Amino acid sequence: MLNLKVEGINCGGCVSSIKKALAVAAPGTQVDVDIPGGKVKVTGNADRAKVVAAIEDAGYDVTGDAA
């Protein structure tokens, strides 16, 4: 499981963009996005580097691990 702090998440469109990007980069995982907290939780067998790259390619900044 990955818990990431992500900058720039502010609407449902952002959530959709991140989920679509991760569906390609980390298929078979479950993605939960917390808009107010700016957190993305990825559950399942996911490669951290691929997940981070996919989120950043979608236009968001991964700033570290979320608590």
PDB file of N, CA and C in Angstrom:
ATOM      1  N   MET A   1       0.840  -1.173   0.000  1.00  0.00           N
ATOM      2  CA  MET A   1       0.000   0.000   0.000  1.00  0.00           C
ATOM      3  C   MET A   1       0.890   1.243   0.000  1.00  0.00           C
ATOM      4  N   LEU A   2       0.479   2.220  -0.785  1.00  0.00           N
ATOM      5  CA  LEU A   2       1.188   3.494  -0.859  1.00  0.00           C
ATOM      6  C   LEU A   2       0.271   4.610  -0.388  1.00  0.00           C
ATOM      7  N   ASN A   3       0.768   5.491   0.436  1.00  0.00           N
ATOM      8  CA  ASN A   3       0.059   6.696   0.869  1.00  0.00           C
ATOM      9  C   ASN A   3       0.915   7.877   0.469  1.00  0.00           C
ATOM     10  N   LEU A   4       0.435   8.639  -0.493  1.00  0.00           N
ATOM     11  CA  LEU A   4       1.234   9.731  -1.034  1.00  0.00           C
ATOM     12  C   LEU A   4       0.578  11.084  -0.800  1.00  0.00           C
ATOM     13  N   LYS A   5       1.393  12.078  -0.539  1.00  0.00           N
ATOM     14  CA  LYS A   5       0.941  13.468  -0.441  1.00  0.00           C
ATOM     15  C   LYS A   5       1.099  14.072  -1.829  1.00  0.00           C
ATOM     16  N   VAL A   6      -0.001  14.620  -2.354  1.00  0.00           N
ATOM     17  CA  VAL A   6      -0.003  15.124  -3.728  1.00  0.00           C
ATOM     18  C   VAL A   6      -0.549  16.550  -3.755  1.00  0.00           C
ATOM     19  N   GLU A   7       0.188  17.445  -4.379  1.00  0.00           N
ATOM     20  CA  GLU A   7      -0.214  18.852  -4.503  1.00  0.00           C
ATOM     21  C   GLU A   7      -1.053  19.054  -5.761  1.00  0.00           C
ATOM     22  N   GLY A   8      -2.068  19.899  -5.665  1.00  0.00           N
ATOM     23  CA  GLY A   8      -2.842  20.292  -6.834  1.00  0.00           C
ATOM     24  C   GLY A   8      -4.170  19.585  -7.006  1.00  0.00           C
ATOM     25  N   ILE A   9      -4.542  18.726  -6.071  1.00  0.00           N
ATOM     26  CA  ILE A   9      -5.834  18.047  -6.158  1.00  0.00           C
ATOM     27  C   ILE A   9      -6.892  18.974  -5.570  1.00  0.00           C
ATOM     28  N   ASN A  10      -7.852  19.414  -6.408  1.00  0.00           N
ATOM     29  CA  ASN A  10      -8.852  20.333  -5.871  1.00  0.00           C
ATOM     30  C   ASN A  10     -10.267  20.104  -6.387  1.00  0.00           C
ATOM     31  N   CYS A  11     -10.489  19.035  -7.187  1.00  0.00           N
ATOM     32  CA  CYS A  11     -11.847  18.809  -7.685  1.00  0.00           C
ATOM     33  C   CYS A  11     -12.014  17.361  -8.156  1.00  0.00           C
ATOM     34  N   GLY A  12     -13.232  17.029  -8.509  1.00  0.00           N
ATOM     35  CA  GLY A  12     -13.532  15.693  -9.004  1.00  0.00           C
ATOM     36  C   GLY A  12     -12.813  15.365 -10.301  1.00  0.00           C
ATOM     37  N   GLY A  13     -12.561  16.382 -11.107  1.00  0.00           N
ATOM     38  CA  GLY A  13     -11.819  16.161 -12.347  1.00  0.00           C
ATOM     39  C   GLY A  13     -10.391  15.714 -12.057  1.00  0.00           C
ATOM     40  N   CYS A  14      -9.815  16.258 -11.015  1.00  0.00           N
ATOM     41  CA  CYS A  14      -8.467  15.866 -10.598  1.00  0.00           C
ATOM     42  C   CYS A  14      -8.462  14.395 -10.173  1.00  0.00           C
ATOM     43  N   VAL A  15      -9.471  14.025  -9.397  1.00  0.00           N
ATOM     44  CA  VAL A  15      -9.597  12.638  -8.943  1.00  0.00           C
ATOM     45  C   VAL A  15      -9.686  11.712 -10.148  1.00  0.00           C
ATOM     46  N   SER A  16     -10.514  12.077 -11.109  1.00  0.00           N
ATOM     47  CA  SER A  16     -10.690  11.262 -12.309  1.00  0.00           C
ATOM     48  C   SER A  16      -9.385  11.126 -13.089  1.00  0.00           C
ATOM     49  N   SER A  17      -8.656  12.207 -13.236  1.00  0.00           N
ATOM     50  CA  SER A  17      -7.381  12.185 -13.963  1.00  0.00           C
ATOM     51  C   SER A  17      -6.374  11.257 -13.292  1.00  0.00           C
ATOM     52  N   ILE A  18      -6.293  11.339 -11.980  1.00  0.00           N
ATOM     53  CA  ILE A  18      -5.348  10.499 -11.240  1.00  0.00           C
ATOM     54  C   ILE A  18      -5.753   9.034 -11.342  1.00  0.00           C
ATOM     55  N   LYS A  19      -7.037   8.755 -11.168  1.00  0.00           N
ATOM     56  CA  LYS A  19      -7.499   7.362 -11.241  1.00  0.00           C
ATOM     57  C   LYS A  19      -7.276   6.772 -12.632  1.00  0.00           C
ATOM     58  N   LYS A  20      -7.510   7.546 -13.674  1.00  0.00           N
ATOM     59  CA  LYS A  20      -7.274   7.060 -15.038  1.00  0.00           C
ATOM     60  C   LYS A  20      -5.798   6.779 -15.264  1.00  0.00           C
ATOM     61  N   ALA A  21      -4.943   7.665 -14.798  1.00  0.00           N
ATOM     62  CA  ALA A  21      -3.498   7.478 -14.969  1.00  0.00           C
ATOM     63  C   ALA A  21      -3.020   6.224 -14.242  1.00  0.00           C
ATOM     64  N   LEU A  22      -3.552   6.000 -13.053  1.00  0.00           N
ATOM     65  CA  LEU A  22      -3.121   4.843 -12.280  1.00  0.00           C
ATOM     66  C   LEU A  22      -3.737   3.541 -12.773  1.00  0.00           C
ATOM     67  N   ALA A  23      -4.873   3.619 -13.447  1.00  0.00           N
ATOM     68  CA  ALA A  23      -5.461   2.409 -14.035  1.00  0.00           C
ATOM     69  C   ALA A  23      -4.526   1.824 -15.085  1.00  0.00           C
ATOM     70  N   VAL A  24      -3.774   2.689 -15.752  1.00  0.00           N
ATOM     71  CA  VAL A  24      -2.807   2.247 -16.761  1.00  0.00           C
ATOM     72  C   VAL A  24      -1.490   1.839 -16.102  1.00  0.00           C
ATOM     73  N   ALA A  25      -0.998   2.650 -15.172  1.00  0.00           N
ATOM     74  CA  ALA A  25       0.316   2.424 -14.558  1.00  0.00           C
ATOM     75  C   ALA A  25       0.307   1.310 -13.513  1.00  0.00           C
ATOM     76  N   ALA A  26      -0.816   1.133 -12.846  1.00  0.00           N
ATOM     77  CA  ALA A  26      -0.911   0.142 -11.769  1.00  0.00           C
ATOM     78  C   ALA A  26      -2.251  -0.589 -11.854  1.00  0.00           C
ATOM     79  N   PRO A  27      -2.454  -1.361 -12.929  1.00  0.00           N
ATOM     80  CA  PRO A  27      -3.740  -2.043 -13.093  1.00  0.00           C
ATOM     81  C   PRO A  27      -3.995  -3.028 -11.947  1.00  0.00           C
ATOM     82  N   GLY A  28      -5.255  -3.145 -11.583  1.00  0.00           N
ATOM     83  CA  GLY A  28      -5.631  -4.067 -10.523  1.00  0.00           C
ATOM     84  C   GLY A  28      -5.507  -3.503  -9.125  1.00  0.00           C
ATOM     85  N   THR A  29      -5.127  -2.247  -9.013  1.00  0.00           N
ATOM     86  CA  THR A  29      -5.024  -1.625  -7.690  1.00  0.00           C
ATOM     87  C   THR A  29      -6.280  -0.817  -7.411  1.00  0.00           C
ATOM     88  N   GLN A  30      -6.490  -0.523  -6.144  1.00  0.00           N
ATOM     89  CA  GLN A  30      -7.587   0.364  -5.761  1.00  0.00           C
ATOM     90  C   GLN A  30      -6.980   1.702  -5.396  1.00  0.00           C
ATOM     91  N   VAL A  31      -7.582   2.770  -5.907  1.00  0.00           N
ATOM     92  CA  VAL A  31      -7.075   4.119  -5.681  1.00  0.00           C
ATOM     93  C   VAL A  31      -8.131   4.941  -4.953  1.00  0.00           C
ATOM     94  N   ASP A  32      -7.742   5.521  -3.834  1.00  0.00           N
ATOM     95  CA  ASP A  32      -8.610   6.419  -3.082  1.00  0.00           C
ATOM     96  C   ASP A  32      -7.923   7.779  -3.031  1.00  0.00           C
ATOM     97  N   VAL A  33      -8.694   8.827  -3.357  1.00  0.00           N
ATOM     98  CA  VAL A  33      -8.137  10.178  -3.375  1.00  0.00           C
ATOM     99  C   VAL A  33      -8.891  11.034  -2.366  1.00  0.00           C
ATOM    100  N   ASP A  34      -8.142  11.666  -1.477  1.00  0.00           N
ATOM    101  CA  ASP A  34      -8.690  12.570  -0.470  1.00  0.00           C
ATOM    102  C   ASP A  34      -8.418  13.996  -0.938  1.00  0.00           C
ATOM    103  N   ILE A  35      -9.451  14.649  -1.479  1.00  0.00           N
ATOM    104  CA  ILE A  35      -9.274  15.996  -2.036  1.00  0.00           C
ATOM    105  C   ILE A  35      -8.816  16.994  -0.970  1.00  0.00           C
ATOM    106  N   PRO A  36      -9.544  17.141   0.165  1.00  0.00           N
ATOM    107  CA  PRO A  36      -9.128  18.147   1.142  1.00  0.00           C
ATOM    108  C   PRO A  36      -7.740  17.885   1.733  1.00  0.00           C
ATOM    109  N   GLY A  37      -7.395  16.611   1.901  1.00  0.00           N
ATOM    110  CA  GLY A  37      -6.106  16.272   2.494  1.00  0.00           C
ATOM    111  C   GLY A  37      -4.967  16.208   1.490  1.00  0.00           C
ATOM    112  N   GLY A  38      -5.309  16.191   0.195  1.00  0.00           N
ATOM    113  CA  GLY A  38      -4.286  16.089  -0.833  1.00  0.00           C
ATOM    114  C   GLY A  38      -3.528  14.781  -0.768  1.00  0.00           C
ATOM    115  N   LYS A  39      -4.279  13.699  -0.539  1.00  0.00           N
ATOM    116  CA  LYS A  39      -3.649  12.391  -0.375  1.00  0.00           C
ATOM    117  C   LYS A  39      -4.178  11.401  -1.416  1.00  0.00           C
ATOM    118  N   VAL A  40      -3.273  10.524  -1.858  1.00  0.00           N
ATOM    119  CA  VAL A  40      -3.641   9.437  -2.754  1.00  0.00           C
ATOM    120  C   VAL A  40      -3.181   8.144  -2.100  1.00  0.00           C
ATOM    121  N   LYS A  41      -4.133   7.222  -1.914  1.00  0.00           N
ATOM    122  CA  LYS A  41      -3.840   5.923  -1.318  1.00  0.00           C
ATOM    123  C   LYS A  41      -4.017   4.866  -2.398  1.00  0.00           C
ATOM    124  N   VAL A  42      -2.986   4.079  -2.631  1.00  0.00           N
ATOM    125  CA  VAL A  42      -3.023   3.025  -3.637  1.00  0.00           C
ATOM    126  C   VAL A  42      -2.867   1.693  -2.912  1.00  0.00           C
ATOM    127  N   THR A  43      -3.886   0.848  -3.021  1.00  0.00           N
ATOM    128  CA  THR A  43      -3.892  -0.449  -2.361  1.00  0.00           C
ATOM    129  C   THR A  43      -3.731  -1.536  -3.412  1.00  0.00           C
ATOM    130  N   GLY A  44      -2.829  -2.447  -3.152  1.00  0.00           N
ATOM    131  CA  GLY A  44      -2.569  -3.542  -4.082  1.00  0.00           C
ATOM    132  C   GLY A  44      -1.093  -3.576  -4.420  1.00  0.00           C
ATOM    133  N   ASN A  45      -0.766  -4.387  -5.394  1.00  0.00           N
ATOM    134  CA  ASN A  45       0.624  -4.566  -5.791  1.00  0.00           C
ATOM    135  C   ASN A  45       1.001  -3.485  -6.793  1.00  0.00           C
ATOM    136  N   ALA A  46       1.576  -2.407  -6.300  1.00  0.00           N
ATOM    137  CA  ALA A  46       1.925  -1.274  -7.163  1.00  0.00           C
ATOM    138  C   ALA A  46       3.385  -0.891  -6.978  1.00  0.00           C
ATOM    139  N   ASP A  47       4.044  -0.607  -8.067  1.00  0.00           N
ATOM    140  CA  ASP A  47       5.423  -0.139  -8.040  1.00  0.00           C
ATOM    141  C   ASP A  47       5.414   1.366  -7.748  1.00  0.00           C
ATOM    142  N   ARG A  48       6.073   1.746  -6.681  1.00  0.00           N
ATOM    143  CA  ARG A  48       6.050   3.157  -6.247  1.00  0.00           C
ATOM    144  C   ARG A  48       6.523   4.100  -7.350  1.00  0.00           C
ATOM    145  N   ALA A  49       7.602   3.759  -8.007  1.00  0.00           N
ATOM    146  CA  ALA A  49       8.152   4.640  -9.044  1.00  0.00           C
ATOM    147  C   ALA A  49       7.152   4.838 -10.182  1.00  0.00           C
ATOM    148  N   LYS A  50       6.464   3.784 -10.577  1.00  0.00           N
ATOM    149  CA  LYS A  50       5.473   3.890 -11.659  1.00  0.00           C
ATOM    150  C   LYS A  50       4.274   4.731 -11.225  1.00  0.00           C
ATOM    151  N   VAL A  51       3.854   4.546  -9.979  1.00  0.00           N
ATOM    152  CA  VAL A  51       2.714   5.305  -9.455  1.00  0.00           C
ATOM    153  C   VAL A  51       3.058   6.794  -9.404  1.00  0.00           C
ATOM    154  N   VAL A  52       4.217   7.108  -8.857  1.00  0.00           N
ATOM    155  CA  VAL A  52       4.645   8.513  -8.758  1.00  0.00           C
ATOM    156  C   VAL A  52       4.761   9.130 -10.148  1.00  0.00           C
ATOM    157  N   ALA A  53       5.374   8.403 -11.076  1.00  0.00           N
ATOM    158  CA  ALA A  53       5.536   8.917 -12.442  1.00  0.00           C
ATOM    159  C   ALA A  53       4.191   9.160 -13.098  1.00  0.00           C
ATOM    160  N   ALA A  54       3.234   8.262 -12.906  1.00  0.00           N
ATOM    161  CA  ALA A  54       1.912   8.411 -13.517  1.00  0.00           C
ATOM    162  C   ALA A  54       1.182   9.631 -12.959  1.00  0.00           C
ATOM    163  N   ILE A  55       1.262   9.833 -11.650  1.00  0.00           N
ATOM    164  CA  ILE A  55       0.606  10.990 -11.037  1.00  0.00           C
ATOM    165  C   ILE A  55       1.258  12.286 -11.537  1.00  0.00           C
ATOM    166  N   GLU A  56       2.569  12.302 -11.603  1.00  0.00           N
ATOM    167  CA  GLU A  56       3.265  13.505 -12.066  1.00  0.00           C
ATOM    168  C   GLU A  56       3.010  13.760 -13.555  1.00  0.00           C
ATOM    169  N   ASP A  57       2.937  12.696 -14.352  1.00  0.00           N
ATOM    170  CA  ASP A  57       2.614  12.849 -15.777  1.00  0.00           C
ATOM    171  C   ASP A  57       1.204  13.389 -15.977  1.00  0.00           C
ATOM    172  N   ALA A  58       0.311  13.123 -14.997  1.00  0.00           N
ATOM    173  CA  ALA A  58      -1.057  13.627 -15.066  1.00  0.00           C
ATOM    174  C   ALA A  58      -1.128  15.105 -14.660  1.00  0.00           C
ATOM    175  N   GLY A  59       0.001  15.660 -14.189  1.00  0.00           N
ATOM    176  CA  GLY A  59       0.046  17.091 -13.885  1.00  0.00           C
ATOM    177  C   GLY A  59       0.040  17.468 -12.425  1.00  0.00           C
ATOM    178  N   TYR A  60       0.320  16.517 -11.551  1.00  0.00           N
ATOM    179  CA  TYR A  60       0.297  16.777 -10.105  1.00  0.00           C
ATOM    180  C   TYR A  60       1.677  16.530  -9.526  1.00  0.00           C
ATOM    181  N   ASP A  61       1.969  17.161  -8.393  1.00  0.00           N
ATOM    182  CA  ASP A  61       3.267  17.017  -7.752  1.00  0.00           C
ATOM    183  C   ASP A  61       3.163  16.099  -6.550  1.00  0.00           C
ATOM    184  N   VAL A  62       3.922  15.004  -6.566  1.00  0.00           N
ATOM    185  CA  VAL A  62       4.001  14.118  -5.421  1.00  0.00           C
ATOM    186  C   VAL A  62       5.109  14.671  -4.532  1.00  0.00           C
ATOM    187  N   THR A  63       4.719  15.069  -3.313  1.00  0.00           N
ATOM    188  CA  THR A  63       5.676  15.734  -2.431  1.00  0.00           C
ATOM    189  C   THR A  63       6.220  14.825  -1.341  1.00  0.00           C
ATOM    190  N   GLY A  64       5.749  13.591  -1.261  1.00  0.00           N
ATOM    191  CA  GLY A  64       6.256  12.660  -0.271  1.00  0.00           C
ATOM    192  C   GLY A  64       5.184  11.698   0.185  1.00  0.00           C
ATOM    193  N   ASP A  65       5.459  11.057   1.312  1.00  0.00           N
ATOM    194  CA  ASP A  65       4.520  10.113   1.878  1.00  0.00           C
ATOM    195  C   ASP A  65       3.539  10.847   2.785  1.00  0.00           C
ATOM    196  N   ALA A  66       2.294  10.403   2.730  1.00  0.00           N
ATOM    197  CA  ALA A  66       1.258  10.966   3.599  1.00  0.00           C
ATOM    198  C   ALA A  66       1.194  10.157   4.880  1.00  0.00           C
ATOM    199  N   ALA A  67       0.845  10.804   5.961  1.00  0.00           N
ATOM    200  CA  ALA A  67       0.714  10.126   7.247  1.00  0.00           C
ATOM    201  C   ALA A  67      -0.568   9.327   7.310  1.00  0.00           C
TER     202      ALA A  67
END
